[in-house]
Amino acid sequence: MATIATEEKRCAVCGKASVQGFVAEAGRQGSADLDLRPPPDQRETIAHWIQECPHCGYCGVTIEEPTAGAAEVMASEEYRAIREEASPELVVRLLCASTLLEHAERWVEAAETAIWAAWAADDAGIDEAAARARRRALDLLAEVRRRGEHYLEDPSAETLVMTDLARRAGEFERASGLLDSLDSVDDPRFAAIVAFQRERIAARDTSRYTVAEASRALA
């Protein structure tokens, strides 16, 4: 069971204080999705992964930590447009944080937070918002790779995650191209997931599957 604690935080942008929640403890029972979306007992804490200042709208893992250029980005049309989106509050908060991180050139964190926004949209049952967030994450991850960096330590595992993001977003050609770029890996479980993804891409399937489901499906 998750434990959420609260404490007063002072915003790095406006300097005003507010009470913020944070995850003190969370379990991890069950299998993650193919895009690493965690099982419910951990995912239920997602509302506390990013904090938001109620006074100025600054968003970050902790509002006490500054993000370079945040004030300028928050004053932009881009940031205001995100805040005015007809999406759940949590999705908006996560996308705002991702945008601030992108402008600060913190590419890996920006991509990861966009993925979180997709998961939050999944939980809210808003498929188009989830797809948009996944496309954003894919573009950011492509930039991460262009810069010679990685979201995951294992590049092949990272490619599998990107494949699932693309498939879930309906970007089937992109997903297929990512699979084609994979080097051969001598791991039966990995091979099973690759085969499962190829099958789901061919079927034009955007559904959610866990790692365990994919590993068993072609056993």
N, C-alpha and C. Protein backbone atom coordinates (compact mmCIF):
# COMPACT_ATOMS: atom_id res chain seq x y z
N MET A 1 0.84 -1.20 0.00
CA MET A 1 0.00 0.00 0.00
C MET A 1 0.88 1.25 0.00
N ALA A 2 0.45 2.25 -0.75
CA ALA A 2 1.23 3.49 -0.86
C ALA A 2 1.02 4.38 0.36
N THR A 3 2.07 5.11 0.69
CA THR A 3 1.99 6.09 1.77
C THR A 3 2.33 7.46 1.21
N ILE A 4 1.39 8.41 1.34
CA ILE A 4 1.59 9.77 0.86
C ILE A 4 1.75 10.69 2.07
N ALA A 5 2.84 11.44 2.09
CA ALA A 5 3.09 12.41 3.16
C ALA A 5 2.98 13.82 2.59
N THR A 6 2.88 14.79 3.46
CA THR A 6 2.79 16.18 3.02
C THR A 6 3.81 17.03 3.78
N GLU A 7 4.22 18.11 3.13
CA GLU A 7 5.09 19.08 3.79
C GLU A 7 4.98 20.42 3.06
N GLU A 8 5.33 21.46 3.75
CA GLU A 8 5.26 22.79 3.13
C GLU A 8 6.49 23.00 2.25
N LYS A 9 6.23 23.50 1.04
CA LYS A 9 7.31 23.77 0.10
C LYS A 9 7.19 25.23 -0.36
N ARG A 10 8.34 25.83 -0.63
CA ARG A 10 8.35 27.20 -1.14
C ARG A 10 8.74 27.18 -2.62
N CYS A 11 7.93 27.78 -3.45
CA CYS A 11 8.11 27.73 -4.89
C CYS A 11 9.39 28.45 -5.31
N ALA A 12 10.14 27.79 -6.20
CA ALA A 12 11.39 28.36 -6.68
C ALA A 12 11.17 29.52 -7.64
N VAL A 13 9.95 29.65 -8.16
CA VAL A 13 9.67 30.72 -9.13
C VAL A 13 9.06 31.94 -8.45
N CYS A 14 7.96 31.74 -7.71
CA CYS A 14 7.26 32.89 -7.13
C CYS A 14 7.60 33.12 -5.66
N GLY A 15 8.22 32.14 -5.02
CA GLY A 15 8.63 32.29 -3.63
C GLY A 15 7.53 32.06 -2.61
N LYS A 16 6.33 31.71 -3.06
CA LYS A 16 5.22 31.50 -2.13
C LYS A 16 5.18 30.04 -1.66
N ALA A 17 4.66 29.85 -0.45
CA ALA A 17 4.63 28.52 0.16
C ALA A 17 3.28 27.85 -0.06
N SER A 18 3.31 26.51 -0.11
CA SER A 18 2.09 25.72 -0.20
C SER A 18 2.38 24.33 0.34
N VAL A 19 1.33 23.63 0.73
CA VAL A 19 1.48 22.26 1.22
C VAL A 19 1.45 21.32 0.02
N GLN A 20 2.45 20.47 -0.09
CA GLN A 20 2.58 19.55 -1.21
C GLN A 20 2.66 18.12 -0.71
N GLY A 21 2.10 17.20 -1.49
CA GLY A 21 2.20 15.79 -1.17
C GLY A 21 3.40 15.16 -1.87
N PHE A 22 3.93 14.10 -1.29
CA PHE A 22 5.00 13.34 -1.95
C PHE A 22 4.87 11.88 -1.53
N VAL A 23 5.44 11.02 -2.35
CA VAL A 23 5.33 9.57 -2.11
C VAL A 23 6.40 9.16 -1.10
N ALA A 24 5.94 8.71 0.07
CA ALA A 24 6.87 8.25 1.10
C ALA A 24 7.18 6.77 0.92
N GLU A 25 6.21 6.03 0.40
CA GLU A 25 6.41 4.60 0.20
C GLU A 25 5.37 4.11 -0.80
N ALA A 26 5.80 3.19 -1.67
CA ALA A 26 4.87 2.61 -2.66
C ALA A 26 5.28 1.19 -2.96
N GLY A 27 4.30 0.31 -3.09
CA GLY A 27 4.58 -1.08 -3.44
C GLY A 27 4.76 -1.23 -4.93
N ARG A 28 5.17 -2.43 -5.33
CA ARG A 28 5.31 -2.70 -6.76
C ARG A 28 4.98 -4.16 -7.02
N GLN A 29 3.76 -4.54 -6.81
CA GLN A 29 3.30 -5.89 -7.08
C GLN A 29 2.63 -5.91 -8.45
N GLY A 30 2.90 -6.97 -9.21
CA GLY A 30 2.29 -7.09 -10.52
C GLY A 30 3.27 -6.74 -11.62
N SER A 31 2.83 -6.94 -12.86
CA SER A 31 3.68 -6.72 -14.02
C SER A 31 3.45 -5.35 -14.62
N ALA A 32 4.53 -4.68 -15.01
CA ALA A 32 4.42 -3.39 -15.69
C ALA A 32 3.92 -3.61 -17.12
N ASP A 33 3.39 -2.55 -17.72
CA ASP A 33 3.01 -2.58 -19.13
C ASP A 33 4.28 -2.57 -19.98
N LEU A 34 4.10 -2.79 -21.27
CA LEU A 34 5.24 -2.81 -22.18
C LEU A 34 5.92 -1.45 -22.34
N ASP A 35 5.22 -0.37 -22.00
CA ASP A 35 5.86 0.95 -22.01
C ASP A 35 6.32 1.35 -20.61
N LEU A 36 6.40 0.35 -19.71
CA LEU A 36 6.86 0.48 -18.33
C LEU A 36 5.84 1.13 -17.40
N ARG A 37 4.62 1.36 -17.86
CA ARG A 37 3.55 1.86 -16.98
C ARG A 37 3.41 0.89 -15.81
N PRO A 38 3.61 1.37 -14.59
CA PRO A 38 3.68 0.46 -13.45
C PRO A 38 2.32 -0.12 -13.08
N PRO A 39 2.31 -1.22 -12.33
CA PRO A 39 1.05 -1.81 -11.89
C PRO A 39 0.30 -0.86 -10.95
N PRO A 40 -1.00 -1.14 -10.73
CA PRO A 40 -1.86 -0.18 -10.02
C PRO A 40 -1.37 0.27 -8.66
N ASP A 41 -0.77 -0.62 -7.87
CA ASP A 41 -0.41 -0.22 -6.51
C ASP A 41 0.67 0.85 -6.49
N GLN A 42 1.48 0.93 -7.55
CA GLN A 42 2.45 2.02 -7.64
C GLN A 42 1.89 3.20 -8.44
N ARG A 43 1.10 2.87 -9.47
CA ARG A 43 0.58 3.92 -10.35
C ARG A 43 -0.42 4.83 -9.64
N GLU A 44 -1.03 4.34 -8.58
CA GLU A 44 -2.01 5.17 -7.87
C GLU A 44 -1.36 6.37 -7.20
N THR A 45 -0.03 6.37 -7.15
CA THR A 45 0.69 7.50 -6.55
C THR A 45 1.04 8.58 -7.58
N ILE A 46 0.68 8.39 -8.83
CA ILE A 46 1.15 9.28 -9.90
C ILE A 46 0.75 10.74 -9.68
N ALA A 47 -0.33 10.97 -8.97
CA ALA A 47 -0.76 12.35 -8.71
C ALA A 47 0.26 13.12 -7.89
N HIS A 48 1.22 12.40 -7.28
CA HIS A 48 2.21 13.05 -6.42
C HIS A 48 3.62 12.99 -7.01
N TRP A 49 3.75 12.57 -8.26
CA TRP A 49 5.08 12.49 -8.87
C TRP A 49 5.57 13.87 -9.30
N ILE A 50 4.66 14.76 -9.61
CA ILE A 50 5.00 16.14 -9.99
C ILE A 50 4.18 17.09 -9.12
N GLN A 51 4.85 18.06 -8.53
CA GLN A 51 4.17 19.06 -7.71
C GLN A 51 3.84 20.30 -8.55
N GLU A 52 2.81 21.03 -8.13
CA GLU A 52 2.41 22.26 -8.82
C GLU A 52 2.18 23.37 -7.81
N CYS A 53 2.77 24.50 -8.06
CA CYS A 53 2.54 25.66 -7.19
C CYS A 53 1.15 26.21 -7.48
N PRO A 54 0.28 26.29 -6.46
CA PRO A 54 -1.08 26.79 -6.69
C PRO A 54 -1.12 28.30 -6.94
N HIS A 55 -0.01 28.97 -6.71
CA HIS A 55 0.03 30.43 -6.84
C HIS A 55 0.43 30.87 -8.25
N CYS A 56 1.47 30.21 -8.81
CA CYS A 56 1.96 30.66 -10.12
C CYS A 56 1.89 29.61 -11.22
N GLY A 57 1.63 28.34 -10.84
CA GLY A 57 1.52 27.29 -11.86
C GLY A 57 2.82 26.61 -12.22
N TYR A 58 3.89 26.88 -11.47
CA TYR A 58 5.15 26.18 -11.73
C TYR A 58 4.99 24.70 -11.38
N CYS A 59 5.55 23.82 -12.22
CA CYS A 59 5.44 22.38 -12.01
C CYS A 59 6.81 21.73 -12.04
N GLY A 60 7.05 20.85 -11.08
CA GLY A 60 8.33 20.14 -11.03
C GLY A 60 8.25 18.99 -10.05
N VAL A 61 9.26 18.14 -10.08
CA VAL A 61 9.30 17.01 -9.14
C VAL A 61 9.18 17.53 -7.72
N THR A 62 9.83 18.63 -7.44
CA THR A 62 9.61 19.39 -6.21
C THR A 62 9.63 20.87 -6.60
N ILE A 63 8.66 21.63 -6.16
CA ILE A 63 8.58 23.03 -6.58
C ILE A 63 9.69 23.88 -5.97
N GLU A 64 10.42 23.34 -5.00
CA GLU A 64 11.55 24.06 -4.42
C GLU A 64 12.77 24.04 -5.34
N GLU A 65 12.79 23.12 -6.29
CA GLU A 65 13.93 23.00 -7.20
C GLU A 65 13.68 23.84 -8.45
N PRO A 66 14.55 24.78 -8.77
CA PRO A 66 14.34 25.61 -9.96
C PRO A 66 14.64 24.85 -11.25
N THR A 67 13.92 25.20 -12.30
CA THR A 67 14.20 24.70 -13.65
C THR A 67 14.65 25.90 -14.49
N ALA A 68 15.77 25.77 -15.14
CA ALA A 68 16.34 26.90 -15.88
C ALA A 68 15.34 27.48 -16.87
N GLY A 69 15.15 28.80 -16.82
CA GLY A 69 14.28 29.48 -17.76
C GLY A 69 12.80 29.32 -17.50
N ALA A 70 12.43 28.79 -16.33
CA ALA A 70 11.03 28.47 -16.06
C ALA A 70 10.11 29.68 -16.16
N ALA A 71 10.51 30.81 -15.58
CA ALA A 71 9.63 31.98 -15.56
C ALA A 71 9.29 32.43 -16.98
N GLU A 72 10.30 32.42 -17.87
CA GLU A 72 10.08 32.83 -19.25
C GLU A 72 9.14 31.87 -19.98
N VAL A 73 9.35 30.57 -19.78
CA VAL A 73 8.50 29.57 -20.43
C VAL A 73 7.07 29.68 -19.92
N MET A 74 6.90 29.88 -18.61
CA MET A 74 5.57 29.98 -18.02
C MET A 74 4.79 31.18 -18.55
N ALA A 75 5.50 32.20 -19.03
CA ALA A 75 4.85 33.39 -19.58
C ALA A 75 4.53 33.23 -21.07
N SER A 76 4.93 32.09 -21.66
CA SER A 76 4.77 31.90 -23.10
C SER A 76 3.36 31.42 -23.46
N GLU A 77 3.02 31.62 -24.74
CA GLU A 77 1.74 31.13 -25.25
C GLU A 77 1.68 29.61 -25.19
N GLU A 78 2.81 28.97 -25.45
CA GLU A 78 2.86 27.51 -25.42
C GLU A 78 2.44 26.97 -24.06
N TYR A 79 3.00 27.53 -23.00
CA TYR A 79 2.70 27.05 -21.65
C TYR A 79 1.25 27.35 -21.28
N ARG A 80 0.79 28.54 -21.61
CA ARG A 80 -0.59 28.90 -21.30
C ARG A 80 -1.57 28.00 -22.04
N ALA A 81 -1.24 27.65 -23.29
CA ALA A 81 -2.12 26.78 -24.07
C ALA A 81 -2.24 25.40 -23.42
N ILE A 82 -1.12 24.89 -22.89
CA ILE A 82 -1.18 23.59 -22.21
C ILE A 82 -2.08 23.68 -20.98
N ARG A 83 -1.93 24.75 -20.22
CA ARG A 83 -2.71 24.90 -18.99
C ARG A 83 -4.20 25.07 -19.28
N GLU A 84 -4.53 25.52 -20.48
CA GLU A 84 -5.94 25.72 -20.83
C GLU A 84 -6.54 24.53 -21.57
N GLU A 85 -5.75 23.46 -21.75
CA GLU A 85 -6.26 22.27 -22.43
C GLU A 85 -7.42 21.65 -21.67
N ALA A 86 -8.34 21.08 -22.44
CA ALA A 86 -9.50 20.40 -21.83
C ALA A 86 -9.11 18.96 -21.49
N SER A 87 -8.08 18.82 -20.69
CA SER A 87 -7.61 17.51 -20.24
C SER A 87 -7.65 17.48 -18.73
N PRO A 88 -7.61 16.28 -18.13
CA PRO A 88 -7.59 16.21 -16.67
C PRO A 88 -6.43 17.01 -16.09
N GLU A 89 -6.64 17.55 -14.90
CA GLU A 89 -5.66 18.39 -14.24
C GLU A 89 -4.30 17.71 -14.14
N LEU A 90 -4.29 16.42 -13.84
CA LEU A 90 -3.02 15.71 -13.68
C LEU A 90 -2.26 15.64 -15.00
N VAL A 91 -2.97 15.37 -16.08
CA VAL A 91 -2.32 15.30 -17.40
C VAL A 91 -1.69 16.65 -17.73
N VAL A 92 -2.43 17.73 -17.48
CA VAL A 92 -1.93 19.08 -17.75
C VAL A 92 -0.69 19.36 -16.91
N ARG A 93 -0.73 19.01 -15.64
CA ARG A 93 0.41 19.25 -14.76
C ARG A 93 1.67 18.54 -15.26
N LEU A 94 1.51 17.30 -15.68
CA LEU A 94 2.65 16.53 -16.16
C LEU A 94 3.19 17.09 -17.47
N LEU A 95 2.30 17.52 -18.36
CA LEU A 95 2.75 18.11 -19.62
C LEU A 95 3.43 19.45 -19.39
N CYS A 96 2.95 20.22 -18.42
CA CYS A 96 3.61 21.48 -18.08
C CYS A 96 5.03 21.22 -17.60
N ALA A 97 5.19 20.23 -16.72
CA ALA A 97 6.52 19.90 -16.22
C ALA A 97 7.42 19.43 -17.36
N SER A 98 6.89 18.62 -18.26
CA SER A 98 7.66 18.13 -19.40
C SER A 98 8.12 19.28 -20.28
N THR A 99 7.24 20.26 -20.49
CA THR A 99 7.58 21.42 -21.32
C THR A 99 8.69 22.24 -20.69
N LEU A 100 8.61 22.47 -19.39
CA LEU A 100 9.66 23.22 -18.69
C LEU A 100 11.00 22.50 -18.78
N LEU A 101 10.98 21.19 -18.63
CA LEU A 101 12.21 20.40 -18.69
C LEU A 101 12.79 20.40 -20.11
N GLU A 102 11.91 20.35 -21.11
CA GLU A 102 12.38 20.39 -22.50
C GLU A 102 13.11 21.70 -22.78
N HIS A 103 12.51 22.83 -22.38
CA HIS A 103 13.14 24.12 -22.64
C HIS A 103 14.44 24.29 -21.86
N ALA A 104 14.56 23.57 -20.75
CA ALA A 104 15.81 23.58 -19.99
C ALA A 104 16.83 22.57 -20.55
N GLU A 105 16.44 21.89 -21.64
CA GLU A 105 17.27 20.89 -22.29
C GLU A 105 17.60 19.72 -21.38
N ARG A 106 16.66 19.41 -20.51
CA ARG A 106 16.77 18.22 -19.66
C ARG A 106 15.93 17.14 -20.35
N TRP A 107 16.48 16.62 -21.46
CA TRP A 107 15.71 15.84 -22.42
C TRP A 107 15.16 14.54 -21.85
N VAL A 108 15.97 13.82 -21.11
CA VAL A 108 15.52 12.53 -20.57
C VAL A 108 14.35 12.73 -19.61
N GLU A 109 14.48 13.71 -18.71
CA GLU A 109 13.41 13.99 -17.76
C GLU A 109 12.15 14.49 -18.46
N ALA A 110 12.33 15.29 -19.51
CA ALA A 110 11.18 15.79 -20.28
C ALA A 110 10.44 14.65 -20.94
N ALA A 111 11.19 13.70 -21.49
CA ALA A 111 10.57 12.54 -22.13
C ALA A 111 9.85 11.66 -21.11
N GLU A 112 10.51 11.41 -19.99
CA GLU A 112 9.91 10.56 -18.96
C GLU A 112 8.61 11.17 -18.43
N THR A 113 8.60 12.48 -18.24
CA THR A 113 7.39 13.13 -17.72
C THR A 113 6.27 13.11 -18.75
N ALA A 114 6.62 13.18 -20.03
CA ALA A 114 5.60 13.04 -21.08
C ALA A 114 5.00 11.64 -21.07
N ILE A 115 5.84 10.64 -20.80
CA ILE A 115 5.33 9.27 -20.68
C ILE A 115 4.36 9.18 -19.49
N TRP A 116 4.73 9.81 -18.39
CA TRP A 116 3.81 9.82 -17.23
C TRP A 116 2.47 10.45 -17.60
N ALA A 117 2.51 11.51 -18.41
CA ALA A 117 1.26 12.15 -18.84
C ALA A 117 0.41 11.18 -19.64
N ALA A 118 1.05 10.36 -20.46
CA ALA A 118 0.30 9.34 -21.23
C ALA A 118 -0.35 8.34 -20.28
N TRP A 119 0.37 7.92 -19.26
CA TRP A 119 -0.20 6.97 -18.30
C TRP A 119 -1.39 7.59 -17.56
N ALA A 120 -1.26 8.86 -17.19
CA ALA A 120 -2.36 9.54 -16.49
C ALA A 120 -3.58 9.63 -17.40
N ALA A 121 -3.35 9.91 -18.69
CA ALA A 121 -4.46 9.96 -19.64
C ALA A 121 -5.08 8.57 -19.82
N ASP A 122 -4.25 7.52 -19.81
CA ASP A 122 -4.77 6.15 -19.86
C ASP A 122 -5.74 5.92 -18.70
N ASP A 123 -5.30 6.29 -17.51
CA ASP A 123 -6.12 6.06 -16.32
C ASP A 123 -7.42 6.85 -16.38
N ALA A 124 -7.39 8.01 -17.05
CA ALA A 124 -8.59 8.84 -17.19
C ALA A 124 -9.46 8.39 -18.35
N GLY A 125 -8.98 7.43 -19.15
CA GLY A 125 -9.75 6.93 -20.27
C GLY A 125 -9.82 7.89 -21.45
N ILE A 126 -8.81 8.77 -21.58
CA ILE A 126 -8.81 9.75 -22.66
C ILE A 126 -7.74 9.32 -23.67
N ASP A 127 -8.17 8.53 -24.65
CA ASP A 127 -7.23 7.89 -25.56
C ASP A 127 -6.44 8.88 -26.40
N GLU A 128 -7.09 9.92 -26.92
CA GLU A 128 -6.39 10.86 -27.80
C GLU A 128 -5.33 11.65 -27.04
N ALA A 129 -5.65 12.05 -25.81
CA ALA A 129 -4.65 12.75 -25.00
C ALA A 129 -3.47 11.83 -24.71
N ALA A 130 -3.75 10.55 -24.46
CA ALA A 130 -2.68 9.59 -24.21
C ALA A 130 -1.80 9.42 -25.45
N ALA A 131 -2.44 9.36 -26.61
CA ALA A 131 -1.68 9.21 -27.86
C ALA A 131 -0.81 10.44 -28.11
N ARG A 132 -1.35 11.64 -27.88
CA ARG A 132 -0.56 12.86 -28.08
C ARG A 132 0.66 12.88 -27.16
N ALA A 133 0.45 12.48 -25.90
CA ALA A 133 1.55 12.47 -24.94
C ALA A 133 2.62 11.45 -25.36
N ARG A 134 2.19 10.32 -25.88
CA ARG A 134 3.16 9.31 -26.34
C ARG A 134 3.94 9.81 -27.55
N ARG A 135 3.27 10.50 -28.46
CA ARG A 135 3.99 11.06 -29.62
C ARG A 135 5.02 12.09 -29.15
N ARG A 136 4.63 12.89 -28.18
CA ARG A 136 5.58 13.87 -27.62
C ARG A 136 6.78 13.15 -27.00
N ALA A 137 6.51 12.10 -26.24
CA ALA A 137 7.59 11.35 -25.61
C ALA A 137 8.52 10.74 -26.65
N LEU A 138 7.95 10.22 -27.73
CA LEU A 138 8.77 9.63 -28.79
C LEU A 138 9.69 10.66 -29.42
N ASP A 139 9.16 11.85 -29.69
CA ASP A 139 9.98 12.91 -30.28
C ASP A 139 11.11 13.32 -29.34
N LEU A 140 10.80 13.39 -28.06
CA LEU A 140 11.81 13.76 -27.07
C LEU A 140 12.87 12.66 -26.93
N LEU A 141 12.44 11.41 -26.96
CA LEU A 141 13.39 10.30 -26.88
C LEU A 141 14.28 10.24 -28.12
N ALA A 142 13.72 10.59 -29.27
CA ALA A 142 14.53 10.66 -30.49
C ALA A 142 15.62 11.73 -30.32
N GLU A 143 15.28 12.85 -29.69
CA GLU A 143 16.26 13.90 -29.42
C GLU A 143 17.31 13.41 -28.42
N VAL A 144 16.86 12.68 -27.41
CA VAL A 144 17.79 12.10 -26.44
C VAL A 144 18.84 11.25 -27.17
N ARG A 145 18.36 10.40 -28.07
CA ARG A 145 19.27 9.51 -28.80
C ARG A 145 20.18 10.30 -29.76
N ARG A 146 19.63 11.32 -30.38
CA ARG A 146 20.44 12.15 -31.29
C ARG A 146 21.62 12.76 -30.56
N ARG A 147 21.44 13.03 -29.28
CA ARG A 147 22.49 13.63 -28.47
C ARG A 147 23.41 12.58 -27.83
N GLY A 148 23.22 11.32 -28.21
CA GLY A 148 24.09 10.27 -27.70
C GLY A 148 23.76 9.84 -26.28
N GLU A 149 22.56 10.16 -25.81
CA GLU A 149 22.14 9.80 -24.46
C GLU A 149 21.07 8.70 -24.54
N HIS A 150 20.66 8.22 -23.37
CA HIS A 150 19.64 7.16 -23.33
C HIS A 150 18.73 7.34 -22.13
N TYR A 151 17.47 6.95 -22.33
CA TYR A 151 16.47 6.95 -21.26
C TYR A 151 16.68 5.72 -20.38
N LEU A 152 17.00 4.58 -21.00
CA LEU A 152 17.30 3.35 -20.27
C LEU A 152 18.74 2.96 -20.54
N GLU A 153 19.34 2.30 -19.59
CA GLU A 153 20.75 1.90 -19.71
C GLU A 153 20.93 0.93 -20.88
N ASP A 154 19.97 0.04 -21.08
CA ASP A 154 20.04 -0.95 -22.16
C ASP A 154 19.36 -0.37 -23.40
N PRO A 155 20.08 -0.03 -24.47
CA PRO A 155 19.47 0.56 -25.66
C PRO A 155 18.41 -0.32 -26.31
N SER A 156 18.59 -1.64 -26.26
CA SER A 156 17.60 -2.53 -26.86
C SER A 156 16.28 -2.50 -26.09
N ALA A 157 16.38 -2.49 -24.76
CA ALA A 157 15.17 -2.36 -23.93
C ALA A 157 14.51 -1.02 -24.18
N GLU A 158 15.30 0.02 -24.34
CA GLU A 158 14.76 1.35 -24.64
C GLU A 158 14.01 1.33 -25.96
N THR A 159 14.56 0.65 -26.97
CA THR A 159 13.88 0.55 -28.26
C THR A 159 12.55 -0.17 -28.13
N LEU A 160 12.50 -1.21 -27.30
CA LEU A 160 11.23 -1.92 -27.09
C LEU A 160 10.19 -1.01 -26.44
N VAL A 161 10.62 -0.19 -25.48
CA VAL A 161 9.70 0.75 -24.84
C VAL A 161 9.20 1.77 -25.88
N MET A 162 10.11 2.28 -26.70
CA MET A 162 9.72 3.24 -27.74
C MET A 162 8.77 2.59 -28.75
N THR A 163 9.00 1.32 -29.04
CA THR A 163 8.10 0.59 -29.95
C THR A 163 6.70 0.56 -29.39
N ASP A 164 6.58 0.28 -28.11
CA ASP A 164 5.24 0.21 -27.51
C ASP A 164 4.59 1.59 -27.45
N LEU A 165 5.38 2.62 -27.17
CA LEU A 165 4.83 3.98 -27.18
C LEU A 165 4.26 4.30 -28.57
N ALA A 166 5.02 3.94 -29.61
CA ALA A 166 4.57 4.21 -30.97
C ALA A 166 3.32 3.39 -31.32
N ARG A 167 3.32 2.11 -30.98
CA ARG A 167 2.15 1.28 -31.28
C ARG A 167 0.91 1.78 -30.56
N ARG A 168 1.05 2.11 -29.27
CA ARG A 168 -0.09 2.59 -28.49
C ARG A 168 -0.63 3.92 -29.04
N ALA A 169 0.26 4.71 -29.68
CA ALA A 169 -0.15 5.99 -30.26
C ALA A 169 -0.69 5.83 -31.68
N GLY A 170 -0.72 4.59 -32.19
CA GLY A 170 -1.20 4.37 -33.55
C GLY A 170 -0.16 4.68 -34.61
N GLU A 171 1.09 4.83 -34.20
CA GLU A 171 2.18 5.12 -35.14
C GLU A 171 2.83 3.79 -35.54
N PHE A 172 2.09 3.01 -36.36
CA PHE A 172 2.50 1.63 -36.61
C PHE A 172 3.77 1.53 -37.46
N GLU A 173 3.92 2.40 -38.45
CA GLU A 173 5.14 2.37 -39.26
C GLU A 173 6.36 2.72 -38.42
N ARG A 174 6.18 3.69 -37.56
CA ARG A 174 7.28 4.08 -36.67
C ARG A 174 7.64 2.93 -35.74
N ALA A 175 6.62 2.26 -35.21
CA ALA A 175 6.86 1.12 -34.32
C ALA A 175 7.59 0.00 -35.05
N SER A 176 7.18 -0.28 -36.28
CA SER A 176 7.82 -1.34 -37.07
C SER A 176 9.27 -0.99 -37.37
N GLY A 177 9.52 0.28 -37.69
CA GLY A 177 10.88 0.72 -37.97
C GLY A 177 11.78 0.59 -36.77
N LEU A 178 11.25 0.88 -35.59
CA LEU A 178 12.04 0.71 -34.37
C LEU A 178 12.41 -0.75 -34.15
N LEU A 179 11.47 -1.66 -34.37
CA LEU A 179 11.78 -3.08 -34.22
C LEU A 179 12.84 -3.51 -35.24
N ASP A 180 12.73 -2.99 -36.46
CA ASP A 180 13.70 -3.36 -37.50
C ASP A 180 15.11 -2.89 -37.15
N SER A 181 15.21 -1.86 -36.32
CA SER A 181 16.53 -1.32 -35.96
C SER A 181 17.22 -2.13 -34.86
N LEU A 182 16.50 -3.07 -34.27
CA LEU A 182 17.06 -3.84 -33.16
C LEU A 182 18.12 -4.83 -33.63
N ASP A 183 19.19 -4.92 -32.86
CA ASP A 183 20.16 -5.98 -33.08
C ASP A 183 19.61 -7.28 -32.49
N SER A 184 20.09 -8.39 -32.98
CA SER A 184 19.66 -9.68 -32.45
C SER A 184 20.11 -9.82 -31.00
N VAL A 185 19.18 -10.27 -30.15
CA VAL A 185 19.49 -10.44 -28.73
C VAL A 185 19.18 -11.89 -28.34
N ASP A 186 20.15 -12.57 -27.75
CA ASP A 186 19.99 -13.97 -27.39
C ASP A 186 19.30 -14.09 -26.04
N ASP A 187 18.01 -13.75 -26.03
CA ASP A 187 17.21 -13.79 -24.80
C ASP A 187 15.80 -14.19 -25.21
N PRO A 188 15.35 -15.39 -24.82
CA PRO A 188 14.03 -15.87 -25.26
C PRO A 188 12.89 -14.94 -24.86
N ARG A 189 12.97 -14.35 -23.69
CA ARG A 189 11.89 -13.45 -23.27
C ARG A 189 11.86 -12.19 -24.13
N PHE A 190 13.04 -11.67 -24.42
CA PHE A 190 13.14 -10.48 -25.29
C PHE A 190 12.60 -10.81 -26.68
N ALA A 191 12.99 -11.97 -27.22
CA ALA A 191 12.53 -12.38 -28.54
C ALA A 191 11.01 -12.55 -28.56
N ALA A 192 10.46 -13.05 -27.46
CA ALA A 192 9.01 -13.24 -27.39
C ALA A 192 8.29 -11.89 -27.43
N ILE A 193 8.84 -10.89 -26.76
CA ILE A 193 8.21 -9.56 -26.75
C ILE A 193 8.30 -8.93 -28.13
N VAL A 194 9.45 -9.09 -28.80
CA VAL A 194 9.60 -8.57 -30.17
C VAL A 194 8.56 -9.20 -31.09
N ALA A 195 8.42 -10.53 -31.01
CA ALA A 195 7.45 -11.22 -31.85
C ALA A 195 6.02 -10.78 -31.53
N PHE A 196 5.74 -10.61 -30.25
CA PHE A 196 4.41 -10.15 -29.83
C PHE A 196 4.13 -8.76 -30.40
N GLN A 197 5.10 -7.87 -30.32
CA GLN A 197 4.90 -6.52 -30.86
C GLN A 197 4.67 -6.56 -32.37
N ARG A 198 5.42 -7.37 -33.07
CA ARG A 198 5.21 -7.47 -34.53
C ARG A 198 3.80 -7.93 -34.85
N GLU A 199 3.31 -8.88 -34.07
CA GLU A 199 1.95 -9.40 -34.28
C GLU A 199 0.92 -8.32 -34.01
N ARG A 200 1.09 -7.57 -32.93
CA ARG A 200 0.13 -6.52 -32.57
C ARG A 200 0.19 -5.34 -33.55
N ILE A 201 1.39 -5.03 -34.06
CA ILE A 201 1.52 -3.97 -35.06
C ILE A 201 0.80 -4.37 -36.35
N ALA A 202 0.99 -5.62 -36.77
CA ALA A 202 0.33 -6.10 -37.99
C ALA A 202 -1.19 -6.04 -37.85
N ALA A 203 -1.68 -6.24 -36.62
CA ALA A 203 -3.12 -6.21 -36.36
C ALA A 203 -3.64 -4.79 -36.14
N ARG A 204 -2.74 -3.78 -36.20
CA ARG A 204 -3.11 -2.39 -35.95
C ARG A 204 -3.80 -2.25 -34.57
N ASP A 205 -3.17 -2.86 -33.60
CA ASP A 205 -3.70 -2.94 -32.24
C ASP A 205 -3.03 -1.88 -31.37
N THR A 206 -3.82 -1.00 -30.77
CA THR A 206 -3.27 0.03 -29.88
C THR A 206 -3.54 -0.28 -28.40
N SER A 207 -3.93 -1.51 -28.11
CA SER A 207 -4.31 -1.87 -26.75
C SER A 207 -3.11 -1.96 -25.82
N ARG A 208 -3.40 -1.93 -24.53
CA ARG A 208 -2.40 -2.04 -23.48
C ARG A 208 -2.14 -3.51 -23.17
N TYR A 209 -0.86 -3.85 -23.03
CA TYR A 209 -0.47 -5.21 -22.62
C TYR A 209 0.67 -5.11 -21.61
N THR A 210 0.68 -6.05 -20.69
CA THR A 210 1.77 -6.09 -19.71
C THR A 210 2.94 -6.90 -20.27
N VAL A 211 4.09 -6.75 -19.64
CA VAL A 211 5.25 -7.54 -20.01
C VAL A 211 4.97 -9.01 -19.85
N ALA A 212 4.28 -9.37 -18.76
CA ALA A 212 3.97 -10.78 -18.51
C ALA A 212 3.05 -11.33 -19.59
N GLU A 213 2.06 -10.57 -20.01
CA GLU A 213 1.14 -11.02 -21.07
C GLU A 213 1.89 -11.24 -22.38
N ALA A 214 2.76 -10.31 -22.73
CA ALA A 214 3.51 -10.44 -23.97
C ALA A 214 4.48 -11.62 -23.92
N SER A 215 5.09 -11.85 -22.77
CA SER A 215 6.05 -12.94 -22.63
C SER A 215 5.35 -14.30 -22.73
N ARG A 216 4.12 -14.38 -22.24
CA ARG A 216 3.37 -15.65 -22.26
C ARG A 216 2.70 -15.92 -23.60
N ALA A 217 2.35 -14.86 -24.31
CA ALA A 217 1.46 -14.99 -25.48
C ALA A 217 2.02 -15.91 -26.54
N LEU A 218 3.34 -15.86 -26.75
CA LEU A 218 3.94 -16.64 -27.82
C LEU A 218 4.82 -17.76 -27.30
N ALA A 219 4.60 -18.10 -26.02
CA ALA A 219 5.40 -19.18 -25.41
C ALA A 219 5.00 -20.53 -25.99
